[in-house]
Amino acid sequence: MIGIAIAGTGFGQKVHIPGFQAHPQTEVVAVYHRDINKAKAIAEAHNIPH
């Protein structure tokens, strides 16, 4: 299993997160946004732990 962190939440949220979550060998474990509250909201919406 490969842990993935997403940096950027525009294209990352729309394309990268669903793509990596759909792949059986990857797990999205973190998301970054310069606004911590937005990062937390996106992480929560996509079941990402960090």
C-alpha atoms as a PDB file:
ATOM      1  CA  MET A   1       0.000   0.000   0.000  1.00  0.00           C
ATOM      2  CA  ILE A   2       1.315   3.446  -0.888  1.00  0.00           C
ATOM      3  CA  GLY A   3       0.224   6.415   1.254  1.00  0.00           C
ATOM      4  CA  ILE A   4      -0.566   9.550  -0.741  1.00  0.00           C
ATOM      5  CA  ALA A   5      -0.725  13.197   0.355  1.00  0.00           C
ATOM      6  CA  ILE A   6      -2.613  15.635  -1.857  1.00  0.00           C
ATOM      7  CA  ALA A   7      -1.159  19.159  -2.093  1.00  0.00           C
ATOM      8  CA  GLY A   8      -3.664  21.551  -3.575  1.00  0.00           C
ATOM      9  CA  THR A   9      -7.371  21.116  -3.446  1.00  0.00           C
ATOM     10  CA  GLY A  10      -8.743  22.423  -6.743  1.00  0.00           C
ATOM     11  CA  PHE A  11      -7.769  19.812  -9.318  1.00  0.00           C
ATOM     12  CA  GLY A  12      -6.506  17.611  -6.497  1.00  0.00           C
ATOM     13  CA  GLN A  13      -9.914  17.397  -4.872  1.00  0.00           C
ATOM     14  CA  LYS A  14     -11.789  16.818  -8.123  1.00  0.00           C
ATOM     15  CA  VAL A  15      -9.394  14.418  -9.843  1.00  0.00           C
ATOM     16  CA  HIS A  16      -6.503  13.202  -7.682  1.00  0.00           C
ATOM     17  CA  ILE A  17      -8.411  12.262  -4.528  1.00  0.00           C
ATOM     18  CA  PRO A  18     -11.061  10.130  -6.297  1.00  0.00           C
ATOM     19  CA  GLY A  19      -8.463   8.562  -8.588  1.00  0.00           C
ATOM     20  CA  PHE A  20      -6.114   7.544  -5.789  1.00  0.00           C
ATOM     21  CA  GLN A  21      -9.003   6.370  -3.595  1.00  0.00           C
ATOM     22  CA  ALA A  22     -10.232   4.146  -6.416  1.00  0.00           C
ATOM     23  CA  HIS A  23      -6.835   2.492  -6.927  1.00  0.00           C
ATOM     24  CA  PRO A  24      -6.391  -0.661  -4.805  1.00  0.00           C
ATOM     25  CA  GLN A  25      -2.685  -0.026  -4.073  1.00  0.00           C
ATOM     26  CA  THR A  26      -2.956   3.596  -2.850  1.00  0.00           C
ATOM     27  CA  GLU A  27      -4.484   5.276   0.176  1.00  0.00           C
ATOM     28  CA  VAL A  28      -4.942   9.048   0.513  1.00  0.00           C
ATOM     29  CA  VAL A  29      -3.715   9.779   4.035  1.00  0.00           C
ATOM     30  CA  ALA A  30      -3.348  13.587   4.023  1.00  0.00           C
ATOM     31  CA  VAL A  31      -4.507  16.724   2.254  1.00  0.00           C
ATOM     32  CA  TYR A  32      -2.892  20.166   2.263  1.00  0.00           C
ATOM     33  CA  HIS A  33      -4.473  23.582   1.765  1.00  0.00           C
ATOM     34  CA  ARG A  34      -2.978  26.827   2.997  1.00  0.00           C
ATOM     35  CA  ASP A  35      -6.228  27.419   4.933  1.00  0.00           C
ATOM     36  CA  ILE A  36      -6.251  24.751   7.649  1.00  0.00           C
ATOM     37  CA  ASN A  37     -10.035  24.907   8.017  1.00  0.00           C
ATOM     38  CA  LYS A  38     -10.541  24.197   4.317  1.00  0.00           C
ATOM     39  CA  ALA A  39      -8.046  21.345   4.513  1.00  0.00           C
ATOM     40  CA  LYS A  40      -9.919  19.849   7.469  1.00  0.00           C
ATOM     41  CA  ALA A  41     -13.280  20.170   5.677  1.00  0.00           C
ATOM     42  CA  ILE A  42     -11.955  18.499   2.531  1.00  0.00           C
ATOM     43  CA  ALA A  43     -10.292  15.737   4.543  1.00  0.00           C
ATOM     44  CA  GLU A  44     -13.495  15.094   6.443  1.00  0.00           C
ATOM     45  CA  ALA A  45     -15.608  15.077   3.266  1.00  0.00           C
ATOM     46  CA  HIS A  46     -13.337  12.455   1.685  1.00  0.00           C
ATOM     47  CA  ASN A  47     -12.534  10.334   4.765  1.00  0.00           C
ATOM     48  CA  ILE A  48      -8.877  11.383   4.798  1.00  0.00           C
ATOM     49  CA  PRO A  49      -7.265  11.099   8.251  1.00  0.00           C
ATOM     50  CA  HIS A  50      -4.892  14.113   8.109  1.00  0.00           C
END
